[in-house]
Amino acid sequence: MLWSALPSVPSTDAPPSPESPTESPAPQVSLDEAARQASEAAGWVEENLSTWVSTGLRILLILVIAFTLRYLIRRTLTKLIDRMNRGYQAVQGMPLGGLLVNAERRRQRSEAIGSVLRSVASFLIMGTAALMILGAFKIDLAPLLASAGVAGVAIGFGARNLVTDFLSGVFMILEDQYGVGDSIDAGVASGEVIEVGLRVTKLRGENGAIWYVRNGEIKRIGNLSQGWATAGVDVTVRPTEDLDTLNKLITAVSEEMAAEEPWNERLWGPVEVLGLNEVLLDSMTLRVSAKTMPGKALGVERELRYRIKRALDQAGIRIVGGLPQQEDATTDPTTAIAAPSAFASPVSPQSIATNPIPQQHTGPNLSKN
C-alpha cells in the first residue's frame, strides 16, 4: 500500500506501458474547415462593409459641416464686433465724440455680447453634431436626453444664483443699462463703474474702495451719467435784500462762467434763477439751477457757488445760514445761585432750635445759710 502511493518515474530506456497515460493529440483542422471559416468571415465583412462606410461617411460629413458652420459663424460675429468698434473709434475722434460715445464702454459691451453669441453658437452647433453622431451609431438617445434633462434641472437648482447672475449680466449688457465710466447707484453700492462682467460688476466708491457687486443682487439701478445732469445751488440771504438786484447779480455771474473754459462745454444750458425756494422771518433762499454734462454736476455746483459768494461779498450782500441760535427767554440766570440757608443766622428760629437744651437741677437745695 505504501509503495503504491509513490509516483512512478518512467524510465527513459523502457518503452511506455500501454496502461500509462499519454498526451492527447492536438486537434487537426482540415483545409475544408479553414476555407469555410474564411469564407464566412469574408461574407460578414462584405455584408457590413457598406454599413461601415456609410456610417463613417455620415459622421465625417457631420463633423465637417459642424466645424465649417462654427468657423463661419464665429468669424462673422468677430467681424461684426470689429466693425462696431471701428465705428465707435471714428465717432470718438470727432470734436464732440467724447460726449456722445464712450469708446471703452462700447468696446467692452460689444466684446461681451460677441463672447456670449460665440459661446451660444458653438454650444448649439457642437451639441447638435454630437447628438447626430450618436444617432448614426444607432444609439437610443431617449434615456440620454432624459438623464440630461434631470441633471440640468438639478444643476439649475444648485447653481441658481450663478444662473441668475449670468442672465442678469446678459440683459444689462444688451439693454445698455450702464457701462464703464458711468456713475451709478446700484442699491447695495454706488460709485463709478470700472468693469462690467457677465457675473460681477466692479464699482469704484467715493472713498476709493472697489465694490464687487453680483449682477443678480442688483434690483434697481440709478444711472447718473446718461443724458444730462442738473446742478442746483441754494443761495440764502436776508429777507430785506432786493430780489431784482440778486437776480441781476447771479445772472451776470452765470453768463461770465458760461463764457470761460472748461465751463462752456460742461454747461449744456443757461444758468437760471428759478425763484424763491423758501422764505422765513430772518432769511430767504433762492434756487439756482443749470443743465450740465453727465457726471459734471458736482463740479459745476462748486464753481457756481464760489462765484456767487464772491460776487455777493463784493456787492456787500451777506449770506446767512439757517436760523440764528436764540436764547431761551424763560431761563432765569439766578436759578444757578443757591438760596441762602436759614441756619446761617444764629438768631433764626431754625438755628435756635438746633442749640442744645441747657441742663436744669431739680434735686433738693443743699446750700446752707
Protein backbone atom coordinates (compact mmCIF):
# COMPACT_ATOMS: atom_id res chain seq x y z
CA MET A 1 0.00 0.00 0.00
CA LEU A 2 2.84 2.38 0.78
CA TRP A 3 4.69 1.68 -2.39
CA SER A 4 1.60 2.14 -4.49
CA ALA A 5 1.17 5.71 -3.23
CA LEU A 6 4.56 6.82 -4.53
CA PRO A 7 4.58 8.25 -8.03
CA SER A 8 6.22 6.06 -10.54
CA VAL A 9 9.03 7.60 -12.59
CA PRO A 10 9.02 6.19 -16.08
CA SER A 11 12.35 5.05 -17.35
CA THR A 12 13.74 6.53 -20.45
CA ASP A 13 15.02 3.18 -21.59
CA ALA A 14 11.86 1.18 -21.04
CA PRO A 15 9.08 1.65 -23.54
CA PRO A 16 5.91 3.17 -22.19
CA SER A 17 3.43 0.71 -20.90
CA PRO A 18 0.10 0.62 -22.53
CA GLU A 19 -1.53 1.40 -19.16
CA SER A 20 0.42 4.70 -18.59
CA PRO A 21 -1.35 7.96 -19.60
CA THR A 22 -0.27 9.55 -22.89
CA GLU A 23 -0.66 13.15 -24.19
CA SER A 24 -3.89 13.95 -26.10
CA PRO A 25 -3.26 14.72 -29.75
CA ALA A 26 -3.82 18.35 -30.95
CA PRO A 27 -7.00 18.85 -32.91
CA GLN A 28 -6.34 18.83 -36.57
CA VAL A 29 -8.12 21.48 -38.72
CA SER A 30 -8.81 20.35 -42.17
CA LEU A 31 -8.41 22.58 -45.22
CA ASP A 32 -12.10 22.42 -45.92
CA GLU A 33 -12.97 23.77 -42.44
CA ALA A 34 -10.46 26.62 -42.75
CA ALA A 35 -11.81 27.54 -46.14
CA ARG A 36 -15.32 27.53 -44.76
CA GLN A 37 -14.42 29.85 -41.84
CA ALA A 38 -12.55 32.23 -44.13
CA SER A 39 -15.48 32.39 -46.49
CA GLU A 40 -17.85 33.16 -43.58
CA ALA A 41 -15.60 35.99 -42.31
CA ALA A 42 -15.28 37.44 -45.78
CA GLY A 43 -19.03 37.25 -46.22
CA TRP A 44 -19.62 39.01 -42.87
CA VAL A 45 -17.16 41.77 -43.75
CA GLU A 46 -18.65 42.15 -47.20
CA GLU A 47 -22.14 42.26 -45.72
CA ASN A 48 -21.29 45.03 -43.15
CA LEU A 49 -18.76 46.95 -45.18
CA SER A 50 -21.38 49.11 -46.82
CA THR A 51 -22.88 49.94 -43.41
CA TRP A 52 -19.49 50.86 -42.00
CA VAL A 53 -18.62 53.03 -44.96
CA SER A 54 -21.97 54.82 -44.94
CA THR A 55 -21.77 55.40 -41.17
CA GLY A 56 -18.20 56.69 -41.37
CA LEU A 57 -19.03 58.99 -44.26
CA ARG A 58 -22.07 60.27 -42.40
CA ILE A 59 -20.01 61.02 -39.25
CA LEU A 60 -17.29 62.68 -41.32
CA LEU A 61 -19.87 64.79 -43.13
CA ILE A 62 -21.47 65.81 -39.82
CA LEU A 63 -18.09 66.86 -38.37
CA VAL A 64 -17.09 68.79 -41.50
CA ILE A 65 -20.40 70.66 -41.62
CA ALA A 66 -20.32 71.39 -37.86
CA PHE A 67 -16.77 72.75 -37.81
CA THR A 68 -17.30 74.72 -41.01
CA LEU A 69 -20.53 76.26 -39.74
CA ARG A 70 -18.95 77.06 -36.38
CA TYR A 71 -15.96 78.72 -38.04
CA LEU A 72 -18.12 80.82 -40.36
CA ILE A 73 -20.46 81.98 -37.58
CA ARG A 74 -17.64 82.88 -35.19
CA ARG A 75 -15.78 84.74 -37.94
CA THR A 76 -18.92 86.65 -38.90
CA LEU A 77 -19.54 87.66 -35.30
CA THR A 78 -15.90 88.72 -34.87
CA LYS A 79 -16.02 90.90 -37.99
CA LEU A 80 -19.29 92.43 -36.84
CA ILE A 81 -17.82 93.31 -33.43
CA ASP A 82 -14.68 94.76 -35.05
CA ARG A 83 -16.80 96.90 -37.36
CA MET A 84 -18.79 98.20 -34.41
CA ASN A 85 -15.57 99.08 -32.57
CA ARG A 86 -14.19 100.90 -35.62
CA GLY A 87 -17.39 102.91 -35.87
CA TYR A 88 -17.15 103.91 -32.22
CA GLN A 89 -13.48 104.87 -32.63
CA ALA A 90 -14.36 107.06 -35.62
CA VAL A 91 -17.03 108.87 -33.61
CA GLN A 92 -14.58 109.19 -30.72
CA GLY A 93 -12.21 111.16 -32.98
CA MET A 94 -14.83 113.84 -33.66
CA PRO A 95 -14.83 117.10 -31.64
CA LEU A 96 -17.88 116.09 -29.61
CA GLY A 97 -17.27 112.36 -29.83
CA GLY A 98 -16.30 112.13 -26.18
CA LEU A 99 -19.72 113.46 -25.19
CA LEU A 100 -21.63 111.09 -27.45
CA VAL A 101 -19.75 107.81 -27.18
CA ASN A 102 -17.53 106.27 -24.53
CA ALA A 103 -15.19 104.11 -26.63
CA GLU A 104 -14.04 101.90 -23.77
CA ARG A 105 -17.59 101.35 -22.61
CA ARG A 106 -18.78 100.46 -26.13
CA ARG A 107 -15.78 98.19 -26.69
CA GLN A 108 -16.40 96.19 -23.54
CA ARG A 109 -20.10 95.97 -24.28
CA SER A 110 -19.51 94.75 -27.84
CA GLU A 111 -16.85 92.27 -26.71
CA ALA A 112 -19.15 90.85 -24.05
CA ILE A 113 -22.04 90.49 -26.49
CA GLY A 114 -19.74 88.86 -29.06
CA SER A 115 -18.38 86.42 -26.47
CA VAL A 116 -21.87 85.39 -25.42
CA LEU A 117 -23.05 84.93 -29.02
CA ARG A 118 -19.97 82.91 -29.98
CA SER A 119 -20.32 80.66 -26.95
CA VAL A 120 -24.01 80.07 -27.60
CA ALA A 121 -23.38 79.33 -31.28
CA SER A 122 -20.57 76.88 -30.51
CA PHE A 123 -22.65 75.09 -27.87
CA LEU A 124 -25.65 74.69 -30.15
CA ILE A 125 -23.67 73.56 -33.20
CA MET A 126 -21.36 71.10 -31.44
CA GLY A 127 -24.13 69.75 -29.22
CA THR A 128 -26.35 69.06 -32.24
CA ALA A 129 -23.43 67.42 -34.06
CA ALA A 130 -22.72 65.15 -31.07
CA LEU A 131 -26.33 64.01 -30.92
CA MET A 132 -26.37 63.31 -34.66
CA ILE A 133 -23.16 61.25 -34.38
CA LEU A 134 -24.67 59.17 -31.57
CA GLY A 135 -27.76 58.66 -33.71
CA ALA A 136 -25.57 57.44 -36.59
CA PHE A 137 -24.32 54.64 -34.31
CA LYS A 138 -27.94 53.51 -33.76
CA ILE A 139 -27.81 54.57 -30.10
CA ASP A 140 -31.13 55.24 -28.42
CA LEU A 141 -30.99 58.89 -27.35
CA ALA A 142 -34.17 58.89 -25.27
CA PRO A 143 -32.53 57.72 -21.98
CA LEU A 144 -29.60 60.08 -22.59
CA LEU A 145 -31.84 63.08 -23.15
CA ALA A 146 -33.97 62.17 -20.14
CA SER A 147 -30.95 61.88 -17.85
CA ALA A 148 -29.51 65.11 -19.27
CA GLY A 149 -32.79 66.86 -18.52
CA VAL A 150 -32.82 65.62 -14.93
CA ALA A 151 -29.16 66.60 -14.49
CA GLY A 152 -29.86 70.02 -15.96
CA VAL A 153 -32.72 70.61 -13.52
CA ALA A 154 -30.53 69.54 -10.59
CA ILE A 155 -27.68 71.77 -11.68
CA GLY A 156 -30.11 74.61 -12.25
CA PHE A 157 -31.42 74.36 -8.68
CA GLY A 158 -27.93 74.03 -7.23
CA ALA A 159 -26.42 76.90 -9.22
CA ARG A 160 -29.46 79.14 -9.41
CA ASN A 161 -27.53 82.14 -8.07
CA LEU A 162 -24.88 81.72 -10.74
CA VAL A 163 -27.51 81.38 -13.46
CA THR A 164 -29.35 84.44 -12.11
CA ASP A 165 -26.15 86.50 -12.11
CA PHE A 166 -25.29 85.40 -15.65
CA LEU A 167 -28.74 86.12 -17.11
CA SER A 168 -28.92 89.49 -15.33
CA GLY A 169 -25.50 90.42 -16.70
CA VAL A 170 -26.50 89.45 -20.24
CA PHE A 171 -29.65 91.58 -20.15
CA MET A 172 -27.82 94.52 -18.54
CA ILE A 173 -25.28 94.50 -21.36
CA LEU A 174 -27.86 94.02 -24.12
CA GLU A 175 -30.06 96.81 -22.77
CA ASP A 176 -27.03 99.09 -22.14
CA GLN A 177 -28.22 99.98 -18.66
CA TYR A 178 -24.75 101.20 -17.66
CA GLY A 179 -21.16 100.98 -18.84
CA VAL A 180 -17.56 101.76 -17.96
CA GLY A 181 -17.20 105.30 -16.66
CA ASP A 182 -20.83 105.71 -15.56
CA SER A 183 -21.69 106.82 -12.05
CA ILE A 184 -24.49 104.57 -10.82
CA ASP A 185 -26.41 103.81 -7.66
CA ALA A 186 -26.98 100.06 -7.55
CA GLY A 187 -28.70 99.99 -4.17
CA VAL A 188 -26.15 97.77 -2.44
CA ALA A 189 -23.29 100.06 -3.55
CA SER A 190 -22.73 103.22 -5.53
CA GLY A 191 -19.78 104.67 -7.42
CA GLU A 192 -18.10 104.75 -10.82
CA VAL A 193 -18.25 101.64 -13.00
CA ILE A 194 -14.74 100.37 -13.82
CA GLU A 195 -15.64 96.95 -15.24
CA VAL A 196 -18.81 95.24 -16.43
CA GLY A 197 -18.88 91.43 -16.48
CA LEU A 198 -21.49 88.79 -17.08
CA ARG A 199 -21.49 87.80 -13.39
CA VAL A 200 -19.96 90.71 -11.42
CA THR A 201 -19.88 94.50 -11.80
CA LYS A 202 -16.93 96.41 -10.30
CA LEU A 203 -17.57 99.86 -8.83
CA ARG A 204 -15.14 102.46 -7.50
CA GLY A 205 -16.66 104.07 -4.42
CA GLU A 206 -16.24 107.64 -3.25
CA ASN A 207 -13.55 106.66 -0.74
CA GLY A 208 -11.63 104.68 -3.36
CA ALA A 209 -12.93 101.25 -2.35
CA ILE A 210 -13.68 98.75 -5.14
CA TRP A 211 -17.07 97.08 -4.79
CA TYR A 212 -17.73 93.71 -6.44
CA VAL A 213 -21.48 93.55 -6.93
CA ARG A 214 -23.16 90.41 -8.26
CA ASN A 215 -25.50 91.23 -11.12
CA GLY A 216 -28.24 89.09 -9.61
CA GLU A 217 -28.28 91.24 -6.46
CA ILE A 218 -28.95 94.48 -8.35
CA LYS A 219 -32.68 95.16 -8.10
CA ARG A 220 -32.61 98.78 -9.27
CA ILE A 221 -30.05 100.99 -10.99
CA GLY A 222 -29.83 104.77 -10.94
CA ASN A 223 -27.53 105.93 -13.75
CA LEU A 224 -26.20 109.43 -13.14
CA SER A 225 -24.19 109.60 -16.36
CA GLN A 226 -26.78 109.13 -19.10
CA GLY A 227 -28.43 112.03 -20.89
CA TRP A 228 -27.73 115.12 -18.82
CA ALA A 229 -27.39 116.14 -15.18
CA THR A 230 -28.75 119.04 -13.14
CA ALA A 231 -26.68 121.32 -10.93
CA GLY A 232 -28.59 123.09 -8.17
CA VAL A 233 -27.36 125.78 -5.77
CA ASP A 234 -29.33 127.38 -2.91
CA VAL A 235 -28.45 130.99 -2.01
CA THR A 236 -29.71 132.04 1.42
CA VAL A 237 -29.71 135.77 2.21
CA ARG A 238 -31.53 138.15 4.48
CA PRO A 239 -35.18 138.81 3.63
CA THR A 240 -34.52 142.54 3.34
CA GLU A 241 -32.35 142.14 0.20
CA ASP A 242 -33.69 143.30 -3.15
CA LEU A 243 -34.70 140.36 -5.34
CA ASP A 244 -34.12 142.18 -8.65
CA THR A 245 -30.57 143.03 -7.61
CA LEU A 246 -29.89 139.45 -6.61
CA ASN A 247 -31.32 138.17 -9.89
CA LYS A 248 -29.15 140.51 -11.99
CA LEU A 249 -26.07 139.71 -9.96
CA ILE A 250 -26.48 135.90 -10.27
CA THR A 251 -27.29 136.18 -13.99
CA ALA A 252 -24.15 138.19 -14.64
CA VAL A 253 -22.04 135.68 -12.73
CA SER A 254 -23.54 132.74 -14.64
CA GLU A 255 -23.00 134.40 -18.03
CA GLU A 256 -19.39 135.10 -17.18
CA MET A 257 -18.91 131.50 -16.09
CA ALA A 258 -20.55 130.09 -19.23
CA ALA A 259 -18.11 132.01 -21.42
CA GLU A 260 -14.97 130.55 -19.84
CA GLU A 261 -13.18 127.24 -20.29
CA PRO A 262 -13.98 124.45 -19.43
CA TRP A 263 -17.40 125.50 -18.19
CA ASN A 264 -18.64 126.38 -21.66
CA GLU A 265 -18.55 122.64 -22.50
CA ARG A 266 -19.83 121.38 -19.16
CA LEU A 267 -22.80 123.74 -19.12
CA TRP A 268 -25.45 122.48 -21.55
CA GLY A 269 -27.87 125.28 -20.84
CA PRO A 270 -28.11 128.73 -19.27
CA VAL A 271 -27.96 129.12 -15.52
CA GLU A 272 -31.47 130.00 -14.35
CA VAL A 273 -32.71 131.61 -11.15
CA LEU A 274 -35.83 129.58 -10.50
CA GLY A 275 -37.09 131.92 -7.77
CA LEU A 276 -37.63 131.79 -4.05
CA ASN A 277 -37.43 128.32 -2.64
CA GLU A 278 -38.07 129.27 0.99
CA VAL A 279 -39.00 132.43 2.91
CA LEU A 280 -38.52 132.69 6.69
CA LEU A 281 -38.62 135.51 9.21
CA ASP A 282 -34.87 136.11 9.10
CA SER A 283 -33.82 134.54 5.74
CA MET A 284 -34.90 133.67 2.24
CA THR A 285 -33.50 131.08 -0.17
CA LEU A 286 -33.11 131.47 -3.93
CA ARG A 287 -32.84 128.37 -6.11
CA VAL A 288 -30.29 128.44 -8.95
CA SER A 289 -30.26 125.58 -11.46
CA ALA A 290 -28.39 124.61 -14.65
CA LYS A 291 -28.31 121.66 -17.06
CA THR A 292 -24.83 120.17 -17.25
CA MET A 293 -22.82 117.40 -18.86
CA PRO A 294 -23.46 113.97 -17.29
CA GLY A 295 -21.28 113.41 -14.27
CA LYS A 296 -20.14 117.05 -14.05
CA ALA A 297 -22.94 118.48 -11.93
CA LEU A 298 -20.96 118.45 -8.68
CA GLY A 299 -18.06 120.41 -10.16
CA VAL A 300 -20.40 122.96 -11.70
CA GLU A 301 -22.20 123.41 -8.38
CA ARG A 302 -18.95 124.08 -6.54
CA GLU A 303 -17.71 126.61 -9.11
CA LEU A 304 -21.08 128.36 -9.30
CA ARG A 305 -21.33 128.54 -5.52
CA TYR A 306 -17.82 130.01 -5.31
CA ARG A 307 -18.52 132.69 -7.92
CA ILE A 308 -21.87 133.68 -6.41
CA LYS A 309 -20.34 134.00 -2.95
CA ARG A 310 -17.52 136.19 -4.25
CA ALA A 311 -19.95 138.41 -6.18
CA LEU A 312 -22.23 138.82 -3.17
CA ASP A 313 -19.28 139.77 -0.97
CA GLN A 314 -18.23 142.44 -3.45
CA ALA A 315 -21.79 143.79 -3.53
CA GLY A 316 -21.99 143.89 0.27
CA ILE A 317 -24.73 141.28 0.50
CA ARG A 318 -24.35 138.97 3.45
CA ILE A 319 -25.23 135.30 3.18
CA VAL A 320 -26.96 133.85 6.18
CA GLY A 321 -27.12 130.21 7.07
CA GLY A 322 -30.24 128.83 8.70
CA LEU A 323 -31.91 130.09 11.82
CA PRO A 324 -29.76 132.01 14.35
CA GLN A 325 -29.38 130.49 17.76
CA GLN A 326 -31.86 132.11 20.14
CA GLU A 327 -31.64 132.23 23.91
CA ASP A 328 -34.45 130.81 25.96
CA ALA A 329 -36.35 133.75 27.49
CA THR A 330 -37.77 131.60 30.28
CA THR A 331 -34.33 130.83 31.68
CA ASP A 332 -33.61 132.75 34.93
CA PRO A 333 -29.88 133.44 35.45
CA THR A 334 -30.38 133.39 39.23
CA THR A 335 -31.51 129.77 39.17
CA ALA A 336 -27.89 128.68 39.26
CA ILE A 337 -27.36 130.54 42.59
CA ALA A 338 -28.17 128.56 45.70
CA ALA A 339 -30.76 130.00 48.11
CA PRO A 340 -29.42 131.37 51.44
CA SER A 341 -29.59 128.90 54.31
CA ALA A 342 -31.72 129.65 57.39
CA PHE A 343 -29.03 128.13 59.59
CA ALA A 344 -26.56 130.86 58.59
CA SER A 345 -28.15 133.34 61.07
CA PRO A 346 -27.63 132.41 64.76
CA VAL A 347 -30.83 134.22 65.81
CA SER A 348 -33.06 132.45 63.29
CA PRO A 349 -35.66 130.07 64.72
CA GLN A 350 -34.00 127.17 62.87
CA SER A 351 -30.61 127.92 64.45
CA ILE A 352 -32.14 128.39 67.92
CA ALA A 353 -33.99 125.09 67.55
CA THR A 354 -30.74 123.30 66.88
CA ASN A 355 -28.97 124.69 70.00
CA PRO A 356 -28.51 122.16 72.83
CA ILE A 357 -31.01 122.33 75.69
CA PRO A 358 -29.40 123.70 78.92
CA GLN A 359 -29.24 121.27 81.87
CA GLN A 360 -31.61 122.10 84.81
CA HIS A 361 -31.12 120.92 88.51
CA THR A 362 -34.31 119.53 90.06
CA GLY A 363 -32.77 117.99 93.30
CA PRO A 364 -33.05 119.36 96.96
CA ASN A 365 -31.22 122.51 97.82
CA LEU A 366 -28.24 121.55 100.00
CA SER A 367 -26.86 125.04 100.38
CA LYS A 368 -26.50 126.30 103.98
CA ASN A 369 -27.47 129.66 105.27
